[in-house]
Amino acid sequence: MAALVRRSLYLTRDTHPWLAPVCDAAAGQDVLVSLRSALLLQAEAEATAAQGALLENFRTLLSTLIGASLTERLLRPALDNNSSGSAAQDTSQ
């Protein structure tokens, strides 16, 4: 999974260049922790757009490996959660 996330990040950074440091740092760290930190630094609209693009790239890559039907079944909970309203804002800082 980590390799798919890293590849998805690499593809997504073309349209969201601020993800480039996450891609570069991802090799030695937990990529999801780095991604979360980077998303929190962005405006809500930009973070939402990047999350959508990242998820779409991840879905496309996974589909090429295991097929569209299985990909949709596996990602359905995430896709349903992603489209059910606004994202939660981290207020712990």
N, C-alpha and C. Protein backbone atom coordinates (compact mmCIF):
# COMPACT_ATOMS: atom_id res chain seq x y z
N MET A 1 0.81 -1.18 0.00
CA MET A 1 0.00 0.00 0.00
C MET A 1 0.86 1.26 0.00
N ALA A 2 1.94 1.23 0.78
CA ALA A 2 2.80 2.42 0.85
C ALA A 2 3.34 2.80 -0.52
N ALA A 3 3.68 1.82 -1.34
CA ALA A 3 4.19 2.12 -2.68
C ALA A 3 3.11 2.77 -3.54
N LEU A 4 1.88 2.31 -3.42
CA LEU A 4 0.78 2.92 -4.17
C LEU A 4 0.51 4.35 -3.71
N VAL A 5 0.58 4.58 -2.41
CA VAL A 5 0.38 5.93 -1.89
C VAL A 5 1.49 6.84 -2.39
N ARG A 6 2.73 6.37 -2.34
CA ARG A 6 3.86 7.19 -2.81
C ARG A 6 3.73 7.51 -4.30
N ARG A 7 3.35 6.53 -5.09
CA ARG A 7 3.17 6.76 -6.53
C ARG A 7 2.01 7.74 -6.77
N SER A 8 0.95 7.59 -6.02
CA SER A 8 -0.19 8.51 -6.14
C SER A 8 0.23 9.93 -5.79
N LEU A 9 1.02 10.07 -4.74
CA LEU A 9 1.54 11.39 -4.36
C LEU A 9 2.39 11.97 -5.49
N TYR A 10 3.25 11.15 -6.06
CA TYR A 10 4.11 11.60 -7.14
C TYR A 10 3.28 12.12 -8.31
N LEU A 11 2.22 11.40 -8.67
CA LEU A 11 1.36 11.82 -9.77
C LEU A 11 0.55 13.07 -9.42
N THR A 12 0.16 13.19 -8.17
CA THR A 12 -0.68 14.31 -7.74
C THR A 12 0.12 15.60 -7.60
N ARG A 13 1.39 15.50 -7.37
CA ARG A 13 2.19 16.72 -7.17
C ARG A 13 2.32 17.56 -8.43
N ASP A 14 1.98 16.99 -9.59
CA ASP A 14 1.99 17.79 -10.82
C ASP A 14 0.96 18.92 -10.74
N THR A 15 -0.20 18.64 -10.17
CA THR A 15 -1.25 19.64 -10.05
C THR A 15 -1.26 20.33 -8.69
N HIS A 16 -0.55 19.77 -7.74
CA HIS A 16 -0.45 20.34 -6.39
C HIS A 16 1.02 20.30 -5.98
N PRO A 17 1.81 21.24 -6.50
CA PRO A 17 3.27 21.20 -6.30
C PRO A 17 3.72 21.22 -4.84
N TRP A 18 2.91 21.70 -3.94
CA TRP A 18 3.28 21.73 -2.52
C TRP A 18 3.38 20.32 -1.94
N LEU A 19 2.96 19.30 -2.69
CA LEU A 19 3.11 17.91 -2.25
C LEU A 19 4.52 17.36 -2.52
N ALA A 20 5.32 18.07 -3.29
CA ALA A 20 6.67 17.60 -3.63
C ALA A 20 7.51 17.27 -2.39
N PRO A 21 7.54 18.13 -1.37
CA PRO A 21 8.33 17.77 -0.17
C PRO A 21 7.82 16.50 0.52
N VAL A 22 6.52 16.26 0.46
CA VAL A 22 5.96 15.04 1.04
C VAL A 22 6.50 13.83 0.29
N CYS A 23 6.55 13.94 -1.03
CA CYS A 23 7.09 12.84 -1.85
C CYS A 23 8.55 12.59 -1.53
N ASP A 24 9.31 13.65 -1.40
CA ASP A 24 10.74 13.52 -1.13
C ASP A 24 11.01 12.97 0.27
N ALA A 25 10.22 13.38 1.24
CA ALA A 25 10.42 12.95 2.62
C ALA A 25 9.81 11.57 2.88
N ALA A 26 8.92 11.14 2.01
CA ALA A 26 8.16 9.92 2.25
C ALA A 26 9.01 8.66 2.34
N ALA A 27 10.17 8.65 1.75
CA ALA A 27 10.98 7.44 1.74
C ALA A 27 11.39 6.99 3.14
N GLY A 28 11.68 7.92 4.02
CA GLY A 28 12.16 7.54 5.34
C GLY A 28 11.16 7.73 6.46
N GLN A 29 9.93 8.14 6.13
CA GLN A 29 8.95 8.43 7.16
C GLN A 29 7.64 7.73 6.84
N ASP A 30 6.72 7.82 7.78
CA ASP A 30 5.37 7.38 7.53
C ASP A 30 4.74 8.40 6.58
N VAL A 31 4.46 8.00 5.37
CA VAL A 31 3.99 8.91 4.34
C VAL A 31 2.65 9.55 4.72
N LEU A 32 1.80 8.84 5.42
CA LEU A 32 0.50 9.40 5.78
C LEU A 32 0.64 10.50 6.83
N VAL A 33 1.62 10.38 7.72
CA VAL A 33 1.87 11.44 8.71
C VAL A 33 2.37 12.69 8.00
N SER A 34 3.28 12.52 7.07
CA SER A 34 3.80 13.65 6.30
C SER A 34 2.69 14.31 5.47
N LEU A 35 1.86 13.49 4.87
CA LEU A 35 0.76 14.01 4.06
C LEU A 35 -0.22 14.81 4.93
N ARG A 36 -0.58 14.26 6.06
CA ARG A 36 -1.51 14.95 6.97
C ARG A 36 -0.96 16.32 7.36
N SER A 37 0.31 16.36 7.71
CA SER A 37 0.93 17.63 8.10
C SER A 37 0.88 18.64 6.96
N ALA A 38 1.17 18.19 5.75
CA ALA A 38 1.14 19.08 4.59
C ALA A 38 -0.27 19.57 4.30
N LEU A 39 -1.26 18.69 4.42
CA LEU A 39 -2.64 19.08 4.17
C LEU A 39 -3.12 20.13 5.17
N LEU A 40 -2.71 20.00 6.41
CA LEU A 40 -3.13 20.94 7.45
C LEU A 40 -2.59 22.35 7.22
N LEU A 41 -1.53 22.46 6.44
CA LEU A 41 -0.94 23.77 6.15
C LEU A 41 -1.64 24.48 5.00
N GLN A 42 -2.51 23.78 4.29
CA GLN A 42 -3.18 24.35 3.12
C GLN A 42 -4.55 24.91 3.48
N ALA A 43 -5.03 25.80 2.63
CA ALA A 43 -6.41 26.28 2.76
C ALA A 43 -7.34 25.09 2.53
N GLU A 44 -8.51 25.15 3.12
CA GLU A 44 -9.45 24.03 3.04
C GLU A 44 -9.76 23.62 1.60
N ALA A 45 -10.00 24.57 0.73
CA ALA A 45 -10.33 24.25 -0.67
C ALA A 45 -9.17 23.54 -1.37
N GLU A 46 -7.96 24.01 -1.13
CA GLU A 46 -6.77 23.40 -1.75
C GLU A 46 -6.54 22.00 -1.20
N ALA A 47 -6.67 21.83 0.11
CA ALA A 47 -6.49 20.52 0.72
C ALA A 47 -7.53 19.53 0.21
N THR A 48 -8.78 19.98 0.08
CA THR A 48 -9.84 19.12 -0.43
C THR A 48 -9.58 18.71 -1.87
N ALA A 49 -9.14 19.65 -2.69
CA ALA A 49 -8.83 19.35 -4.09
C ALA A 49 -7.68 18.35 -4.19
N ALA A 50 -6.66 18.54 -3.38
CA ALA A 50 -5.52 17.63 -3.40
C ALA A 50 -5.92 16.23 -2.93
N GLN A 51 -6.75 16.16 -1.88
CA GLN A 51 -7.22 14.86 -1.39
C GLN A 51 -8.01 14.13 -2.47
N GLY A 52 -8.87 14.86 -3.17
CA GLY A 52 -9.66 14.25 -4.24
C GLY A 52 -8.78 13.74 -5.37
N ALA A 53 -7.80 14.53 -5.76
CA ALA A 53 -6.88 14.12 -6.83
C ALA A 53 -6.04 12.93 -6.39
N LEU A 54 -5.59 12.95 -5.15
CA LEU A 54 -4.79 11.85 -4.62
C LEU A 54 -5.60 10.56 -4.58
N LEU A 55 -6.83 10.64 -4.12
CA LEU A 55 -7.69 9.46 -4.07
C LEU A 55 -7.97 8.93 -5.47
N GLU A 56 -8.20 9.81 -6.41
CA GLU A 56 -8.46 9.37 -7.79
C GLU A 56 -7.23 8.70 -8.39
N ASN A 57 -6.05 9.26 -8.16
CA ASN A 57 -4.83 8.63 -8.66
C ASN A 57 -4.61 7.27 -8.00
N PHE A 58 -4.87 7.19 -6.69
CA PHE A 58 -4.74 5.92 -5.99
C PHE A 58 -5.71 4.89 -6.56
N ARG A 59 -6.95 5.30 -6.80
CA ARG A 59 -7.95 4.39 -7.34
C ARG A 59 -7.56 3.91 -8.74
N THR A 60 -7.07 4.80 -9.55
CA THR A 60 -6.65 4.42 -10.90
C THR A 60 -5.50 3.42 -10.87
N LEU A 61 -4.50 3.67 -10.03
CA LEU A 61 -3.37 2.75 -9.91
C LEU A 61 -3.81 1.38 -9.40
N LEU A 62 -4.62 1.38 -8.37
CA LEU A 62 -5.09 0.12 -7.81
C LEU A 62 -5.93 -0.65 -8.82
N SER A 63 -6.72 0.07 -9.58
CA SER A 63 -7.55 -0.55 -10.62
C SER A 63 -6.71 -1.27 -11.67
N THR A 64 -5.58 -0.67 -12.02
CA THR A 64 -4.72 -1.32 -13.02
C THR A 64 -4.12 -2.62 -12.48
N LEU A 65 -3.98 -2.70 -11.16
CA LEU A 65 -3.39 -3.90 -10.56
C LEU A 65 -4.39 -5.00 -10.26
N ILE A 66 -5.56 -4.64 -9.76
CA ILE A 66 -6.51 -5.67 -9.31
C ILE A 66 -7.86 -5.62 -10.02
N GLY A 67 -8.05 -4.66 -10.89
CA GLY A 67 -9.30 -4.55 -11.62
C GLY A 67 -10.25 -3.54 -10.99
N ALA A 68 -11.11 -3.00 -11.83
CA ALA A 68 -12.02 -1.93 -11.40
C ALA A 68 -13.05 -2.41 -10.39
N SER A 69 -13.61 -3.59 -10.60
CA SER A 69 -14.67 -4.08 -9.72
C SER A 69 -14.18 -4.28 -8.29
N LEU A 70 -13.06 -4.97 -8.13
CA LEU A 70 -12.52 -5.20 -6.81
C LEU A 70 -12.06 -3.89 -6.16
N THR A 71 -11.48 -3.00 -6.96
CA THR A 71 -11.05 -1.70 -6.43
C THR A 71 -12.24 -0.93 -5.87
N GLU A 72 -13.33 -0.90 -6.61
CA GLU A 72 -14.51 -0.18 -6.15
C GLU A 72 -15.06 -0.80 -4.86
N ARG A 73 -15.06 -2.12 -4.78
CA ARG A 73 -15.54 -2.78 -3.56
C ARG A 73 -14.65 -2.45 -2.37
N LEU A 74 -13.35 -2.48 -2.58
CA LEU A 74 -12.42 -2.20 -1.48
C LEU A 74 -12.45 -0.74 -1.03
N LEU A 75 -12.61 0.16 -1.97
CA LEU A 75 -12.56 1.59 -1.65
C LEU A 75 -13.91 2.20 -1.35
N ARG A 76 -14.99 1.45 -1.51
CA ARG A 76 -16.33 2.00 -1.31
C ARG A 76 -16.48 2.72 0.04
N PRO A 77 -16.03 2.14 1.16
CA PRO A 77 -16.18 2.87 2.44
C PRO A 77 -15.45 4.22 2.42
N ALA A 78 -14.28 4.28 1.85
CA ALA A 78 -13.53 5.54 1.79
C ALA A 78 -14.20 6.54 0.85
N LEU A 79 -14.71 6.04 -0.27
CA LEU A 79 -15.37 6.92 -1.22
C LEU A 79 -16.66 7.46 -0.66
N ASP A 80 -17.42 6.63 0.04
CA ASP A 80 -18.66 7.08 0.67
C ASP A 80 -18.37 8.10 1.76
N ASN A 81 -17.35 7.85 2.55
CA ASN A 81 -16.95 8.76 3.63
C ASN A 81 -16.45 10.08 3.06
N ASN A 82 -15.70 10.02 1.97
CA ASN A 82 -15.12 11.19 1.35
C ASN A 82 -16.18 12.12 0.78
N SER A 83 -17.31 11.57 0.33
CA SER A 83 -18.32 12.39 -0.32
C SER A 83 -19.48 12.75 0.59
N SER A 84 -19.39 12.42 1.85
CA SER A 84 -20.52 12.66 2.75
C SER A 84 -20.35 13.93 3.57
N GLY A 85 -20.24 15.04 2.89
CA GLY A 85 -20.15 16.30 3.61
C GLY A 85 -18.74 16.83 3.69
N SER A 86 -18.57 17.85 4.52
CA SER A 86 -17.27 18.49 4.61
C SER A 86 -16.33 17.70 5.50
N ALA A 87 -15.06 17.85 5.23
CA ALA A 87 -14.04 17.16 6.01
C ALA A 87 -13.94 17.77 7.40
N ALA A 88 -13.53 16.96 8.33
CA ALA A 88 -13.34 17.44 9.70
C ALA A 88 -12.10 18.31 9.76
N GLN A 89 -12.16 19.35 10.51
CA GLN A 89 -11.03 20.25 10.68
C GLN A 89 -10.28 19.88 11.96
N ASP A 90 -8.96 19.81 11.88
CA ASP A 90 -8.15 19.50 13.06
C ASP A 90 -8.01 20.77 13.90
N THR A 91 -8.53 20.74 15.10
CA THR A 91 -8.47 21.90 15.97
C THR A 91 -7.58 21.67 17.19
N SER A 92 -6.71 20.66 17.10
CA SER A 92 -5.88 20.32 18.25
C SER A 92 -4.71 21.26 18.45
N GLN A 93 -4.42 22.11 17.51
CA GLN A 93 -3.26 23.00 17.64
C GLN A 93 -3.62 24.35 18.15
